[in-house]
All heavy atoms as atom14 arrays in JSON, in Angstrom:
{
  "sequence": "LREKIEDELVHDFEELISSYQPTQENYSAKSVVEQAVSFVEEQKF",
  "atom14_mask": [
    [1, 1, 1, 1, 1, 1, 1, 1, 0, 0, 0, 0, 0, 0],
    [1, 1, 1, 1, 1, 1, 1, 1, 1, 1, 1, 0, 0, 0],
    [1, 1, 1, 1, 1, 1, 1, 1, 1, 0, 0, 0, 0, 0],
    [1, 1, 1, 1, 1, 1, 1, 1, 1, 0, 0, 0, 0, 0],
    [1, 1, 1, 1, 1, 1, 1, 1, 0, 0, 0, 0, 0, 0],
    [1, 1, 1, 1, 1, 1, 1, 1, 1, 0, 0, 0, 0, 0],
    [1, 1, 1, 1, 1, 1, 1, 1, 0, 0, 0, 0, 0, 0],
    [1, 1, 1, 1, 1, 1, 1, 1, 1, 0, 0, 0, 0, 0],
    [1, 1, 1, 1, 1, 1, 1, 1, 0, 0, 0, 0, 0, 0],
    [1, 1, 1, 1, 1, 1, 1, 0, 0, 0, 0, 0, 0, 0],
    [1, 1, 1, 1, 1, 1, 1, 1, 1, 1, 0, 0, 0, 0],
    [1, 1, 1, 1, 1, 1, 1, 1, 0, 0, 0, 0, 0, 0],
    [1, 1, 1, 1, 1, 1, 1, 1, 1, 1, 1, 0, 0, 0],
    [1, 1, 1, 1, 1, 1, 1, 1, 1, 0, 0, 0, 0, 0],
    [1, 1, 1, 1, 1, 1, 1, 1, 1, 0, 0, 0, 0, 0],
    [1, 1, 1, 1, 1, 1, 1, 1, 0, 0, 0, 0, 0, 0],
    [1, 1, 1, 1, 1, 1, 1, 1, 0, 0, 0, 0, 0, 0],
    [1, 1, 1, 1, 1, 1, 0, 0, 0, 0, 0, 0, 0, 0],
    [1, 1, 1, 1, 1, 1, 0, 0, 0, 0, 0, 0, 0, 0],
    [1, 1, 1, 1, 1, 1, 1, 1, 1, 1, 1, 1, 0, 0],
    [1, 1, 1, 1, 1, 1, 1, 1, 1, 0, 0, 0, 0, 0],
    [1, 1, 1, 1, 1, 1, 1, 0, 0, 0, 0, 0, 0, 0],
    [1, 1, 1, 1, 1, 1, 1, 0, 0, 0, 0, 0, 0, 0],
    [1, 1, 1, 1, 1, 1, 1, 1, 1, 0, 0, 0, 0, 0],
    [1, 1, 1, 1, 1, 1, 1, 1, 1, 0, 0, 0, 0, 0],
    [1, 1, 1, 1, 1, 1, 1, 1, 0, 0, 0, 0, 0, 0],
    [1, 1, 1, 1, 1, 1, 1, 1, 1, 1, 1, 1, 0, 0],
    [1, 1, 1, 1, 1, 1, 0, 0, 0, 0, 0, 0, 0, 0],
    [1, 1, 1, 1, 1, 0, 0, 0, 0, 0, 0, 0, 0, 0],
    [1, 1, 1, 1, 1, 1, 1, 1, 1, 0, 0, 0, 0, 0],
    [1, 1, 1, 1, 1, 1, 0, 0, 0, 0, 0, 0, 0, 0],
    [1, 1, 1, 1, 1, 1, 1, 0, 0, 0, 0, 0, 0, 0],
    [1, 1, 1, 1, 1, 1, 1, 0, 0, 0, 0, 0, 0, 0],
    [1, 1, 1, 1, 1, 1, 1, 1, 1, 0, 0, 0, 0, 0],
    [1, 1, 1, 1, 1, 1, 1, 1, 1, 0, 0, 0, 0, 0],
    [1, 1, 1, 1, 1, 0, 0, 0, 0, 0, 0, 0, 0, 0],
    [1, 1, 1, 1, 1, 1, 1, 0, 0, 0, 0, 0, 0, 0],
    [1, 1, 1, 1, 1, 1, 0, 0, 0, 0, 0, 0, 0, 0],
    [1, 1, 1, 1, 1, 1, 1, 1, 1, 1, 1, 0, 0, 0],
    [1, 1, 1, 1, 1, 1, 1, 0, 0, 0, 0, 0, 0, 0],
    [1, 1, 1, 1, 1, 1, 1, 1, 1, 0, 0, 0, 0, 0],
    [1, 1, 1, 1, 1, 1, 1, 1, 1, 0, 0, 0, 0, 0],
    [1, 1, 1, 1, 1, 1, 1, 1, 1, 0, 0, 0, 0, 0],
    [1, 1, 1, 1, 1, 1, 1, 1, 1, 0, 0, 0, 0, 0],
    [1, 1, 1, 1, 1, 1, 1, 1, 1, 1, 1, 0, 0, 0]
  ],
  "atom14_positions": [
    [[0.84, -1.21, 0.0], [-0.01, -0.01, 0.0], [0.88, 1.26, 0.0], [0.69, 2.13, -0.83], [-0.93, 0.01, 1.21], [-1.69, 1.28, 1.51], [-2.63, 1.66, 0.33], [-2.5, 1.19, 2.82], [0.0, 0.0, 0.0], [0.0, 0.0, 0.0], [0.0, 0.0, 0.0], [0.0, 0.0, 0.0], [0.0, 0.0, 0.0], [0.0, 0.0, 0.0]],
    [[1.83, 1.34, 0.91], [2.7, 2.51, 1.0], [3.5, 2.7, -0.25], [3.6, 3.83, -0.81], [3.64, 2.41, 2.19], [4.45, 3.71, 2.37], [5.45, 3.63, 3.5], [6.5, 2.71, 3.09], [7.38, 2.19, 3.95], [7.39, 2.55, 5.19], [8.3, 1.39, 3.52], [0.0, 0.0, 0.0], [0.0, 0.0, 0.0], [0.0, 0.0, 0.0]],
    [[4.03, 1.6, -0.82], [4.82, 1.71, -2.03], [4.0, 2.19, -3.22], [4.45, 3.03, -3.99], [5.45, 0.35, -2.33], [6.34, 0.38, -3.58], [6.98, -0.97, -3.86], [7.21, -1.74, -2.91], [7.21, -1.28, -5.03], [0.0, 0.0, 0.0], [0.0, 0.0, 0.0], [0.0, 0.0, 0.0], [0.0, 0.0, 0.0], [0.0, 0.0, 0.0]],
    [[2.8, 1.68, -3.34], [1.94, 2.08, -4.44], [1.48, 3.54, -4.3], [1.34, 4.25, -5.31], [0.71, 1.13, -4.62], [1.17, -0.17, -5.21], [0.04, -1.12, -5.51], [0.64, -2.33, -6.21], [-0.26, -3.51, -6.11], [0.0, 0.0, 0.0], [0.0, 0.0, 0.0], [0.0, 0.0, 0.0], [0.0, 0.0, 0.0], [0.0, 0.0, 0.0]],
    [[1.24, 3.96, -3.08], [0.9, 5.4, -2.85], [2.1, 6.24, -3.27], [1.9, 7.23, -4.0], [0.54, 5.62, -1.36], [-0.77, 4.94, -1.0], [0.53, 7.1, -1.07], [-1.05, 4.93, 0.51], [0.0, 0.0, 0.0], [0.0, 0.0, 0.0], [0.0, 0.0, 0.0], [0.0, 0.0, 0.0], [0.0, 0.0, 0.0], [0.0, 0.0, 0.0]],
    [[3.24, 5.9, -2.81], [4.47, 6.67, -3.16], [4.69, 6.65, -4.67], [4.97, 7.7, -5.27], [5.67, 6.13, -2.43], [5.68, 6.44, -0.92], [6.88, 5.9, -0.21], [7.73, 5.24, -0.83], [6.94, 6.14, 1.02], [0.0, 0.0, 0.0], [0.0, 0.0, 0.0], [0.0, 0.0, 0.0], [0.0, 0.0, 0.0], [0.0, 0.0, 0.0]],
    [[4.57, 5.49, -5.3], [4.8, 5.37, -6.77], [3.81, 6.26, -7.55], [4.2, 6.93, -8.51], [4.68, 3.91, -7.2], [5.86, 3.1, -6.74], [6.84, 3.64, -6.24], [5.77, 1.85, -6.89], [0.0, 0.0, 0.0], [0.0, 0.0, 0.0], [0.0, 0.0, 0.0], [0.0, 0.0, 0.0], [0.0, 0.0, 0.0], [0.0, 0.0, 0.0]],
    [[2.57, 6.3, -7.11], [1.59, 7.11, -7.77], [1.84, 8.59, -7.6], [1.83, 9.37, -8.56], [0.17, 6.79, -7.25], [-0.94, 7.56, -7.92], [-2.31, 7.23, -7.33], [-2.56, 6.06, -7.05], [-3.08, 8.17, -7.14], [0.0, 0.0, 0.0], [0.0, 0.0, 0.0], [0.0, 0.0, 0.0], [0.0, 0.0, 0.0], [0.0, 0.0, 0.0]],
    [[2.23, 9.02, -6.38], [2.58, 10.37, -6.17], [3.83, 10.79, -6.95], [3.87, 11.88, -7.58], [2.81, 10.59, -4.66], [1.61, 10.64, -3.77], [2.01, 10.56, -2.29], [0.74, 11.81, -4.03], [0.0, 0.0, 0.0], [0.0, 0.0, 0.0], [0.0, 0.0, 0.0], [0.0, 0.0, 0.0], [0.0, 0.0, 0.0], [0.0, 0.0, 0.0]],
    [[4.84, 9.91, -7.0], [6.02, 10.22, -7.72], [5.77, 10.3, -9.22], [6.25, 11.22, -9.9], [7.16, 9.16, -7.43], [8.32, 9.31, -8.4], [7.61, 9.28, -5.99], [0.0, 0.0, 0.0], [0.0, 0.0, 0.0], [0.0, 0.0, 0.0], [0.0, 0.0, 0.0], [0.0, 0.0, 0.0], [0.0, 0.0, 0.0], [0.0, 0.0, 0.0]],
    [[4.96, 9.4, -9.72], [4.63, 9.41, -11.15], [3.96, 10.73, -11.52], [4.3, 11.39, -12.51], [3.69, 8.23, -11.48], [3.24, 8.25, -12.89], [2.03, 8.82, -13.24], [3.8, 7.8, -14.03], [1.86, 8.7, -14.55], [2.9, 8.09, -15.06], [0.0, 0.0, 0.0], [0.0, 0.0, 0.0], [0.0, 0.0, 0.0], [0.0, 0.0, 0.0]],
    [[2.96, 11.13, -10.74], [2.25, 12.35, -11.02], [3.18, 13.57, -10.86], [3.1, 14.51, -11.67], [1.03, 12.52, -10.06], [-0.04, 11.46, -10.32], [0.0, 10.78, -11.39], [-0.93, 11.3, -9.47], [0.0, 0.0, 0.0], [0.0, 0.0, 0.0], [0.0, 0.0, 0.0], [0.0, 0.0, 0.0], [0.0, 0.0, 0.0], [0.0, 0.0, 0.0]],
    [[4.0, 13.57, -9.84], [4.98, 14.69, -9.65], [5.95, 14.76, -10.8], [6.26, 15.81, -11.3], [5.66, 14.45, -8.32], [6.54, 15.61, -7.86], [5.96, 16.81, -7.47], [7.9, 15.54, -7.82], [6.72, 17.86, -7.02], [8.7, 16.55, -7.41], [8.12, 17.78, -7.01], [0.0, 0.0, 0.0], [0.0, 0.0, 0.0], [0.0, 0.0, 0.0]],
    [[6.43, 13.6, -11.24], [7.37, 13.53, -12.34], [6.78, 14.08, -13.62], [7.4, 14.85, -14.38], [7.84, 12.12, -12.53], [9.03, 11.93, -13.45], [9.59, 10.57, -13.38], [8.86, 9.58, -13.12], [10.79, 10.39, -13.61], [0.0, 0.0, 0.0], [0.0, 0.0, 0.0], [0.0, 0.0, 0.0], [0.0, 0.0, 0.0], [0.0, 0.0, 0.0]],
    [[5.5, 13.73, -13.93], [4.82, 14.25, -15.1], [4.71, 15.78, -15.06], [4.91, 16.45, -16.07], [3.44, 13.63, -15.25], [3.4, 12.27, -15.84], [2.0, 11.82, -16.2], [1.01, 12.41, -15.71], [1.9, 10.77, -16.88], [0.0, 0.0, 0.0], [0.0, 0.0, 0.0], [0.0, 0.0, 0.0], [0.0, 0.0, 0.0], [0.0, 0.0, 0.0]],
    [[4.4, 16.25, -13.89], [4.29, 17.73, -13.7], [5.6, 18.42, -13.93], [5.7, 19.36, -14.68], [3.78, 17.96, -12.27], [3.47, 19.39, -11.87], [2.32, 19.34, -10.91], [4.65, 20.02, -11.24], [0.0, 0.0, 0.0], [0.0, 0.0, 0.0], [0.0, 0.0, 0.0], [0.0, 0.0, 0.0], [0.0, 0.0, 0.0], [0.0, 0.0, 0.0]],
    [[6.65, 17.91, -13.32], [8.01, 18.51, -13.41], [8.52, 18.42, -14.87], [9.17, 19.33, -15.36], [8.99, 17.87, -12.42], [8.52, 18.05, -10.97], [10.41, 18.33, -12.63], [8.49, 19.49, -10.51], [0.0, 0.0, 0.0], [0.0, 0.0, 0.0], [0.0, 0.0, 0.0], [0.0, 0.0, 0.0], [0.0, 0.0, 0.0], [0.0, 0.0, 0.0]],
    [[8.28, 17.3, -15.52], [8.86, 17.13, -16.86], [8.21, 18.06, -17.88], [8.71, 18.23, -18.98], [8.69, 15.66, -17.3], [7.35, 15.36, -17.51], [0.0, 0.0, 0.0], [0.0, 0.0, 0.0], [0.0, 0.0, 0.0], [0.0, 0.0, 0.0], [0.0, 0.0, 0.0], [0.0, 0.0, 0.0], [0.0, 0.0, 0.0], [0.0, 0.0, 0.0]],
    [[7.07, 18.68, -17.51], [6.42, 19.62, -18.43], [7.17, 20.96, -18.55], [6.97, 21.71, -19.48], [4.99, 19.87, -18.01], [4.95, 20.64, -16.8], [0.0, 0.0, 0.0], [0.0, 0.0, 0.0], [0.0, 0.0, 0.0], [0.0, 0.0, 0.0], [0.0, 0.0, 0.0], [0.0, 0.0, 0.0], [0.0, 0.0, 0.0], [0.0, 0.0, 0.0]],
    [[8.1, 21.18, -17.68], [8.83, 22.45, -17.65], [9.91, 22.42, -18.77], [10.81, 21.56, -18.73], [9.49, 22.69, -16.28], [10.34, 23.92, -16.2], [9.82, 25.14, -16.56], [11.66, 23.86, -15.77], [10.64, 26.31, -16.46], [12.46, 24.94, -15.68], [11.92, 26.2, -16.05], [12.72, 27.31, -15.96], [0.0, 0.0, 0.0], [0.0, 0.0, 0.0]],
    [[9.8, 23.34, -19.69], [10.74, 23.39, -20.84], [11.23, 24.84, -20.95], [10.72, 25.61, -21.73], [10.01, 22.98, -22.12], [9.47, 21.57, -22.14], [10.58, 20.53, -22.07], [11.69, 20.69, -22.62], [10.27, 19.45, -21.38], [0.0, 0.0, 0.0], [0.0, 0.0, 0.0], [0.0, 0.0, 0.0], [0.0, 0.0, 0.0], [0.0, 0.0, 0.0]],
    [[12.28, 25.18, -20.21], [12.77, 26.56, -20.25], [13.56, 26.82, -21.6], [13.98, 25.9, -22.22], [13.73, 26.66, -19.07], [14.26, 25.28, -18.95], [13.06, 24.37, -19.31], [0.0, 0.0, 0.0], [0.0, 0.0, 0.0], [0.0, 0.0, 0.0], [0.0, 0.0, 0.0], [0.0, 0.0, 0.0], [0.0, 0.0, 0.0], [0.0, 0.0, 0.0]],
    [[13.67, 28.09, -21.89], [14.49, 28.49, -23.02], [15.51, 29.5, -22.51], [15.35, 30.01, -21.43], [13.64, 29.14, -24.15], [13.03, 30.34, -23.58], [12.57, 28.15, -24.61], [0.0, 0.0, 0.0], [0.0, 0.0, 0.0], [0.0, 0.0, 0.0], [0.0, 0.0, 0.0], [0.0, 0.0, 0.0], [0.0, 0.0, 0.0], [0.0, 0.0, 0.0]],
    [[16.46, 29.85, -23.32], [17.45, 30.87, -22.93], [16.75, 32.2, -22.64], [17.18, 32.91, -21.82], [18.49, 31.04, -24.02], [19.4, 29.84, -24.23], [20.33, 29.64, -23.02], [20.53, 30.5, -22.19], [20.96, 28.46, -22.96], [0.0, 0.0, 0.0], [0.0, 0.0, 0.0], [0.0, 0.0, 0.0], [0.0, 0.0, 0.0], [0.0, 0.0, 0.0]],
    [[15.66, 32.48, -23.39], [14.95, 33.74, -23.22], [14.03, 33.72, -22.01], [13.76, 34.73, -21.39], [14.14, 34.08, -24.45], [14.94, 34.21, -25.74], [15.37, 32.89, -26.38], [14.57, 31.91, -26.32], [16.5, 32.8, -26.87], [0.0, 0.0, 0.0], [0.0, 0.0, 0.0], [0.0, 0.0, 0.0], [0.0, 0.0, 0.0], [0.0, 0.0, 0.0]],
    [[13.48, 32.55, -21.7], [12.51, 32.45, -20.62], [12.9, 31.24, -19.74], [12.48, 30.12, -19.98], [11.1, 32.24, -21.14], [10.07, 32.18, -20.02], [10.36, 32.53, -18.88], [8.92, 31.69, -20.32], [0.0, 0.0, 0.0], [0.0, 0.0, 0.0], [0.0, 0.0, 0.0], [0.0, 0.0, 0.0], [0.0, 0.0, 0.0], [0.0, 0.0, 0.0]],
    [[13.72, 31.53, -18.72], [14.17, 30.46, -17.84], [13.42, 30.45, -16.5], [13.79, 29.69, -15.62], [15.65, 30.54, -17.6], [16.1, 31.91, -17.21], [15.94, 32.34, -15.88], [16.66, 32.76, -18.13], [16.36, 33.64, -15.54], [17.08, 34.03, -17.76], [16.92, 34.48, -16.49], [17.28, 35.68, -16.13], [0.0, 0.0, 0.0], [0.0, 0.0, 0.0]],
    [[12.41, 31.23, -16.36], [11.69, 31.33, -15.09], [11.01, 29.98, -14.78], [10.35, 29.35, -15.63], [10.58, 32.42, -15.15], [9.83, 32.32, -13.96], [0.0, 0.0, 0.0], [0.0, 0.0, 0.0], [0.0, 0.0, 0.0], [0.0, 0.0, 0.0], [0.0, 0.0, 0.0], [0.0, 0.0, 0.0], [0.0, 0.0, 0.0], [0.0, 0.0, 0.0]],
    [[11.24, 29.54, -13.62], [10.63, 28.28, -13.13], [9.34, 28.46, -12.4], [8.78, 27.51, -11.84], [11.66, 27.52, -12.24], [0.0, 0.0, 0.0], [0.0, 0.0, 0.0], [0.0, 0.0, 0.0], [0.0, 0.0, 0.0], [0.0, 0.0, 0.0], [0.0, 0.0, 0.0], [0.0, 0.0, 0.0], [0.0, 0.0, 0.0], [0.0, 0.0, 0.0]],
    [[8.88, 29.69, -12.34], [7.72, 30.02, -11.51], [6.52, 29.18, -11.8], [5.84, 28.66, -10.9], [7.37, 31.49, -11.59], [6.3, 31.9, -10.56], [6.22, 33.34, -10.36], [5.31, 33.61, -9.18], [5.45, 34.97, -8.68], [0.0, 0.0, 0.0], [0.0, 0.0, 0.0], [0.0, 0.0, 0.0], [0.0, 0.0, 0.0], [0.0, 0.0, 0.0]],
    [[6.19, 28.96, -13.08], [4.97, 28.21, -13.42], [5.05, 26.77, -12.95], [4.11, 26.23, -12.38], [4.68, 28.25, -14.92], [5.7, 27.61, -15.64], [0.0, 0.0, 0.0], [0.0, 0.0, 0.0], [0.0, 0.0, 0.0], [0.0, 0.0, 0.0], [0.0, 0.0, 0.0], [0.0, 0.0, 0.0], [0.0, 0.0, 0.0], [0.0, 0.0, 0.0]],
    [[6.18, 26.12, -13.11], [6.3, 24.74, -12.67], [6.4, 24.67, -11.16], [5.87, 23.71, -10.54], [7.49, 24.02, -13.36], [8.83, 24.45, -12.81], [7.37, 22.51, -13.26], [0.0, 0.0, 0.0], [0.0, 0.0, 0.0], [0.0, 0.0, 0.0], [0.0, 0.0, 0.0], [0.0, 0.0, 0.0], [0.0, 0.0, 0.0], [0.0, 0.0, 0.0]],
    [[7.03, 25.66, -10.53], [7.05, 25.67, -9.06], [5.66, 25.85, -8.52], [5.27, 25.18, -7.55], [8.0, 26.78, -8.55], [7.92, 26.94, -7.05], [9.45, 26.5, -8.98], [0.0, 0.0, 0.0], [0.0, 0.0, 0.0], [0.0, 0.0, 0.0], [0.0, 0.0, 0.0], [0.0, 0.0, 0.0], [0.0, 0.0, 0.0], [0.0, 0.0, 0.0]],
    [[4.85, 26.72, -9.12], [3.44, 26.88, -8.69], [2.72, 25.58, -8.8], [1.95, 25.19, -7.91], [2.76, 27.95, -9.55], [3.13, 29.35, -9.24], [2.55, 30.37, -10.2], [2.27, 30.03, -11.35], [2.33, 31.51, -9.79], [0.0, 0.0, 0.0], [0.0, 0.0, 0.0], [0.0, 0.0, 0.0], [0.0, 0.0, 0.0], [0.0, 0.0, 0.0]],
    [[2.88, 24.84, -9.9], [2.21, 23.58, -10.08], [2.67, 22.55, -9.1], [1.87, 21.8, -8.52], [2.48, 23.03, -11.51], [1.76, 23.86, -12.58], [2.22, 23.37, -14.0], [2.75, 22.3, -14.16], [1.99, 24.23, -15.0], [0.0, 0.0, 0.0], [0.0, 0.0, 0.0], [0.0, 0.0, 0.0], [0.0, 0.0, 0.0], [0.0, 0.0, 0.0]],
    [[3.98, 22.53, -8.78], [4.54, 21.57, -7.85], [4.02, 21.85, -6.43], [3.62, 20.93, -5.72], [6.05, 21.59, -7.85], [0.0, 0.0, 0.0], [0.0, 0.0, 0.0], [0.0, 0.0, 0.0], [0.0, 0.0, 0.0], [0.0, 0.0, 0.0], [0.0, 0.0, 0.0], [0.0, 0.0, 0.0], [0.0, 0.0, 0.0], [0.0, 0.0, 0.0]],
    [[4.02, 23.12, -6.05], [3.55, 23.46, -4.71], [2.03, 23.2, -4.61], [1.58, 22.65, -3.59], [3.87, 24.94, -4.38], [3.14, 25.39, -3.11], [5.37, 25.1, -4.21], [0.0, 0.0, 0.0], [0.0, 0.0, 0.0], [0.0, 0.0, 0.0], [0.0, 0.0, 0.0], [0.0, 0.0, 0.0], [0.0, 0.0, 0.0], [0.0, 0.0, 0.0]],
    [[1.29, 23.47, -5.67], [-0.13, 23.19, -5.65], [-0.41, 21.71, -5.56], [-1.26, 21.28, -4.8], [-0.78, 23.77, -6.95], [-2.15, 23.43, -6.99], [0.0, 0.0, 0.0], [0.0, 0.0, 0.0], [0.0, 0.0, 0.0], [0.0, 0.0, 0.0], [0.0, 0.0, 0.0], [0.0, 0.0, 0.0], [0.0, 0.0, 0.0], [0.0, 0.0, 0.0]],
    [[0.37, 20.92, -6.29], [0.27, 19.44, -6.19], [0.51, 18.93, -4.79], [-0.3, 18.15, -4.27], [1.31, 18.84, -7.16], [1.38, 17.36, -7.09], [0.5, 16.54, -7.76], [2.39, 16.73, -6.31], [0.59, 15.13, -7.71], [2.47, 15.34, -6.2], [1.56, 14.53, -6.91], [0.0, 0.0, 0.0], [0.0, 0.0, 0.0], [0.0, 0.0, 0.0]],
    [[1.53, 19.46, -4.13], [1.85, 19.02, -2.78], [0.77, 19.55, -1.83], [0.35, 18.8, -0.92], [3.28, 19.47, -2.39], [3.49, 19.27, -0.89], [4.31, 18.74, -3.22], [0.0, 0.0, 0.0], [0.0, 0.0, 0.0], [0.0, 0.0, 0.0], [0.0, 0.0, 0.0], [0.0, 0.0, 0.0], [0.0, 0.0, 0.0], [0.0, 0.0, 0.0]],
    [[0.32, 20.78, -2.04], [-0.67, 21.37, -1.14], [-2.0, 20.64, -1.18], [-2.63, 20.43, -0.18], [-0.88, 22.82, -1.5], [-1.56, 23.65, -0.43], [-1.4, 25.16, -0.67], [-1.25, 25.58, -1.82], [-1.4, 25.83, 0.34], [0.0, 0.0, 0.0], [0.0, 0.0, 0.0], [0.0, 0.0, 0.0], [0.0, 0.0, 0.0], [0.0, 0.0, 0.0]],
    [[-2.36, 20.12, -2.34], [-3.62, 19.37, -2.51], [-3.59, 18.06, -1.66], [-4.63, 17.58, -1.24], [-3.87, 19.01, -3.94], [-4.29, 20.15, -4.82], [-4.34, 19.81, -6.26], [-4.23, 18.59, -6.64], [-4.5, 20.75, -7.09], [0.0, 0.0, 0.0], [0.0, 0.0, 0.0], [0.0, 0.0, 0.0], [0.0, 0.0, 0.0], [0.0, 0.0, 0.0]],
    [[-2.4, 17.55, -1.41], [-2.26, 16.29, -0.68], [-1.34, 16.49, 0.53], [-0.53, 15.6, 0.84], [-1.74, 15.23, -1.63], [-2.63, 15.07, -2.84], [-2.11, 14.12, -3.86], [-2.22, 12.91, -3.64], [-1.58, 14.62, -4.93], [0.0, 0.0, 0.0], [0.0, 0.0, 0.0], [0.0, 0.0, 0.0], [0.0, 0.0, 0.0], [0.0, 0.0, 0.0]],
    [[-1.44, 17.63, 1.12], [-0.45, 18.07, 2.09], [-0.34, 17.07, 3.25], [0.8, 16.76, 3.63], [-0.92, 19.45, 2.66], [0.17, 20.19, 3.41], [-0.31, 21.59, 3.71], [0.82, 22.41, 4.29], [0.46, 23.8, 4.44], [0.0, 0.0, 0.0], [0.0, 0.0, 0.0], [0.0, 0.0, 0.0], [0.0, 0.0, 0.0], [0.0, 0.0, 0.0]],
    [[-1.41, 16.61, 3.84], [-1.35, 15.69, 4.98], [-0.63, 14.41, 4.59], [0.26, 13.96, 5.29], [-2.76, 15.41, 5.46], [-2.76, 14.49, 6.68], [-2.37, 14.94, 7.91], [-3.21, 13.16, 6.56], [-2.39, 14.11, 9.05], [-3.26, 12.32, 7.68], [-2.83, 12.8, 8.89], [0.0, 0.0, 0.0], [0.0, 0.0, 0.0], [0.0, 0.0, 0.0]]
  ]
}
């Protein structure tokens, strides 16, 4: 149970993080950080 919970959370977190594609002109990580914090906040406990 614990392993599957962790694997699901990691999979979802990894998908979210992998969506970040910075460029030399726009390297701000704010959008992906907002998504990551929101993801964690939704399942904070």
